[in-house]
C-alpha cells in the first residue's frame, strides 16, 4: 500500500460520489449546476451536460480505483474520500439551491 494508492482510492471514490447528483439530475431532465455552467458550479447546466459530466466522473473514478490493490487502508481512504466529497457537495449545492450564490475563490 503506497501513498499514491491511498490518494487514488480517495480521489476515485470522490469522483464516483460526484457522479451521483449530476447523473440523477440529468436523467430527471432537471437543469443542475456543473463546471460547464455560468458561473461554473453555480449556474444551471443542461441535463445532457450533466449526464456527460456524470459519465466522465464514473469513468475517471473507476480508472483510479482499478489501479489500487484493494487493501484495508485503501478502502478506508476511499470511504474518507467519498464522505468528504459528499459533505463538500452537500454544502455547496445547499448554498446554490437556497439562493446564496456566493462562490468561494
C-alpha atoms as a PDB file:
ATOM      1  CA  UNK A   1       0.000   0.000   0.000  1.00  0.00           C
ATOM      2  CA  UNK A   2       1.585   3.226  -1.139  1.00  0.00           C
ATOM      3  CA  UNK A   3       0.605   6.824  -0.526  1.00  0.00           C
ATOM      4  CA  UNK A   4      -0.198   7.098  -4.223  1.00  0.00           C
ATOM      5  CA  UNK A   5      -2.685   4.227  -3.976  1.00  0.00           C
ATOM      6  CA  UNK A   6      -4.317   5.859  -0.948  1.00  0.00           C
ATOM      7  CA  UNK A   7      -4.665   9.075  -2.931  1.00  0.00           C
ATOM      8  CA  UNK A   8      -6.052   7.162  -5.933  1.00  0.00           C
ATOM      9  CA  UNK A   9      -8.649   5.467  -3.730  1.00  0.00           C
ATOM     10  CA  UNK A  10      -9.763   8.733  -2.137  1.00  0.00           C
ATOM     11  CA  UNK A  11      -9.897  10.615  -5.453  1.00  0.00           C
ATOM     12  CA  UNK A  12     -11.628   7.758  -7.273  1.00  0.00           C
ATOM     13  CA  UNK A  13     -14.300   7.462  -4.590  1.00  0.00           C
ATOM     14  CA  UNK A  14     -14.793  11.241  -4.577  1.00  0.00           C
ATOM     15  CA  UNK A  15     -15.330  11.228  -8.346  1.00  0.00           C
ATOM     16  CA  UNK A  16     -17.835   8.368  -8.084  1.00  0.00           C
ATOM     17  CA  UNK A  17     -19.801  10.285  -5.433  1.00  0.00           C
ATOM     18  CA  UNK A  18     -19.717  13.417  -7.606  1.00  0.00           C
ATOM     19  CA  UNK A  19     -21.255  11.436 -10.469  1.00  0.00           C
ATOM     20  CA  UNK A  20     -24.437  10.771  -8.490  1.00  0.00           C
ATOM     21  CA  UNK A  21     -26.122  14.213  -8.266  1.00  0.00           C
ATOM     22  CA  UNK A  22     -25.183  15.102 -11.836  1.00  0.00           C
ATOM     23  CA  UNK A  23     -26.421  11.785 -13.204  1.00  0.00           C
ATOM     24  CA  UNK A  24     -29.673  11.923 -11.250  1.00  0.00           C
ATOM     25  CA  UNK A  25     -30.403  15.495 -12.336  1.00  0.00           C
ATOM     26  CA  UNK A  26     -29.573  14.644 -15.937  1.00  0.00           C
ATOM     27  CA  UNK A  27     -31.801  11.572 -16.019  1.00  0.00           C
ATOM     28  CA  UNK A  28     -34.643  13.556 -14.430  1.00  0.00           C
ATOM     29  CA  UNK A  29     -34.248  16.215 -17.114  1.00  0.00           C
ATOM     30  CA  UNK A  30     -33.542  18.852 -14.485  1.00  0.00           C
ATOM     31  CA  UNK A  31     -31.022  21.666 -15.025  1.00  0.00           C
ATOM     32  CA  UNK A  32     -28.301  21.414 -12.366  1.00  0.00           C
ATOM     33  CA  UNK A  33     -25.016  23.250 -11.729  1.00  0.00           C
ATOM     34  CA  UNK A  34     -21.897  21.795 -13.307  1.00  0.00           C
ATOM     35  CA  UNK A  35     -18.417  23.057 -14.165  1.00  0.00           C
ATOM     36  CA  UNK A  36     -19.783  23.991 -17.604  1.00  0.00           C
ATOM     37  CA  UNK A  37     -22.384  26.460 -16.286  1.00  0.00           C
ATOM     38  CA  UNK A  38     -22.041  30.219 -15.987  1.00  0.00           C
ATOM     39  CA  UNK A  39     -20.749  30.864 -13.378  1.00  0.00           C
ATOM     40  CA  UNK A  40     -19.103  27.436 -13.125  1.00  0.00           C
ATOM     41  CA  UNK A  41     -20.624  25.244 -10.441  1.00  0.00           C
ATOM     42  CA  UNK A  42     -23.398  27.737  -9.695  1.00  0.00           C
ATOM     43  CA  UNK A  43     -25.470  28.435 -12.813  1.00  0.00           C
ATOM     44  CA  UNK A  44     -27.690  25.747 -14.314  1.00  0.00           C
ATOM     45  CA  UNK A  45     -26.354  23.326 -16.907  1.00  0.00           C
ATOM     46  CA  UNK A  46     -28.488  21.328 -19.283  1.00  0.00           C
ATOM     47  CA  UNK A  47     -29.493  17.782 -18.380  1.00  0.00           C
ATOM     48  CA  UNK A  48     -27.346  16.490 -21.263  1.00  0.00           C
ATOM     49  CA  UNK A  49     -24.272  18.291 -19.922  1.00  0.00           C
ATOM     50  CA  UNK A  50     -24.898  16.753 -16.509  1.00  0.00           C
ATOM     51  CA  UNK A  51     -25.223  13.245 -17.947  1.00  0.00           C
ATOM     52  CA  UNK A  52     -21.916  13.695 -19.796  1.00  0.00           C
ATOM     53  CA  UNK A  53     -20.231  15.114 -16.677  1.00  0.00           C
ATOM     54  CA  UNK A  54     -21.581  12.226 -14.601  1.00  0.00           C
ATOM     55  CA  UNK A  55     -20.273   9.670 -17.089  1.00  0.00           C
ATOM     56  CA  UNK A  56     -16.851  11.344 -17.152  1.00  0.00           C
ATOM     57  CA  UNK A  57     -16.731  11.174 -13.344  1.00  0.00           C
ATOM     58  CA  UNK A  58     -17.668   7.484 -13.361  1.00  0.00           C
ATOM     59  CA  UNK A  59     -15.016   6.619 -15.949  1.00  0.00           C
ATOM     60  CA  UNK A  60     -12.285   8.603 -14.181  1.00  0.00           C
ATOM     61  CA  UNK A  61     -13.302   7.268 -10.755  1.00  0.00           C
ATOM     62  CA  UNK A  62     -13.277   3.658 -11.949  1.00  0.00           C
ATOM     63  CA  UNK A  63      -9.918   4.088 -13.679  1.00  0.00           C
ATOM     64  CA  UNK A  64      -8.400   5.420 -10.465  1.00  0.00           C
ATOM     65  CA  UNK A  65      -9.992   2.740  -8.280  1.00  0.00           C
ATOM     66  CA  UNK A  66      -8.927  -0.053 -10.627  1.00  0.00           C
ATOM     67  CA  UNK A  67      -5.275   0.959 -10.195  1.00  0.00           C
ATOM     68  CA  UNK A  68      -5.330   0.227  -6.455  1.00  0.00           C
ATOM     69  CA  UNK A  69      -4.700  -3.075  -4.693  1.00  0.00           C
ATOM     70  CA  UNK A  70      -7.819  -3.072  -2.516  1.00  0.00           C
ATOM     71  CA  UNK A  71      -6.050  -3.118   0.844  1.00  0.00           C
ATOM     72  CA  UNK A  72      -7.858  -2.125   4.017  1.00  0.00           C
ATOM     73  CA  UNK A  73      -6.044   1.216   4.071  1.00  0.00           C
ATOM     74  CA  UNK A  74      -7.117   1.937   0.510  1.00  0.00           C
ATOM     75  CA  UNK A  75     -10.706   1.063   1.355  1.00  0.00           C
ATOM     76  CA  UNK A  76     -10.609   3.412   4.330  1.00  0.00           C
ATOM     77  CA  UNK A  77      -9.125   6.139   2.111  1.00  0.00           C
ATOM     78  CA  UNK A  78     -11.976   5.537  -0.331  1.00  0.00           C
ATOM     79  CA  UNK A  79     -14.577   5.925   2.409  1.00  0.00           C
ATOM     80  CA  UNK A  80     -12.897   9.109   3.628  1.00  0.00           C
ATOM     81  CA  UNK A  81     -12.731  10.487   0.067  1.00  0.00           C
ATOM     82  CA  UNK A  82     -16.364   9.619  -0.643  1.00  0.00           C
ATOM     83  CA  UNK A  83     -17.610  11.057   2.649  1.00  0.00           C
ATOM     84  CA  UNK A  84     -15.528  14.191   2.233  1.00  0.00           C
ATOM     85  CA  UNK A  85     -16.839  14.767  -1.276  1.00  0.00           C
ATOM     86  CA  UNK A  86     -20.425  14.155  -0.150  1.00  0.00           C
ATOM     87  CA  UNK A  87     -20.062  16.773   2.592  1.00  0.00           C
ATOM     88  CA  UNK A  88     -18.500  19.310   0.220  1.00  0.00           C
ATOM     89  CA  UNK A  89     -21.236  18.727  -2.374  1.00  0.00           C
ATOM     90  CA  UNK A  90     -23.988  18.979   0.251  1.00  0.00           C
ATOM     91  CA  UNK A  91     -22.642  22.307   1.487  1.00  0.00           C
ATOM     92  CA  UNK A  92     -22.032  23.731  -1.988  1.00  0.00           C
ATOM     93  CA  UNK A  93     -25.269  22.683  -3.634  1.00  0.00           C
ATOM     94  CA  UNK A  94     -27.204  23.588  -0.480  1.00  0.00           C
ATOM     95  CA  UNK A  95     -25.913  27.165  -0.780  1.00  0.00           C
ATOM     96  CA  UNK A  96     -26.624  27.256  -4.527  1.00  0.00           C
ATOM     97  CA  UNK A  97     -30.152  25.885  -4.204  1.00  0.00           C
ATOM     98  CA  UNK A  98     -31.007  28.178  -1.252  1.00  0.00           C
ATOM     99  CA  UNK A  99     -30.155  31.256  -3.291  1.00  0.00           C
ATOM    100  CA  UNK A 100     -26.813  32.071  -1.717  1.00  0.00           C
ATOM    101  CA  UNK A 101     -24.882  32.140  -4.977  1.00  0.00           C
ATOM    102  CA  UNK A 102     -21.570  33.155  -3.449  1.00  0.00           C
ATOM    103  CA  UNK A 103     -18.680  31.129  -4.731  1.00  0.00           C
ATOM    104  CA  UNK A 104     -15.532  30.769  -2.687  1.00  0.00           C
ATOM    105  CA  UNK A 105     -12.428  31.720  -4.587  1.00  0.00           C
END
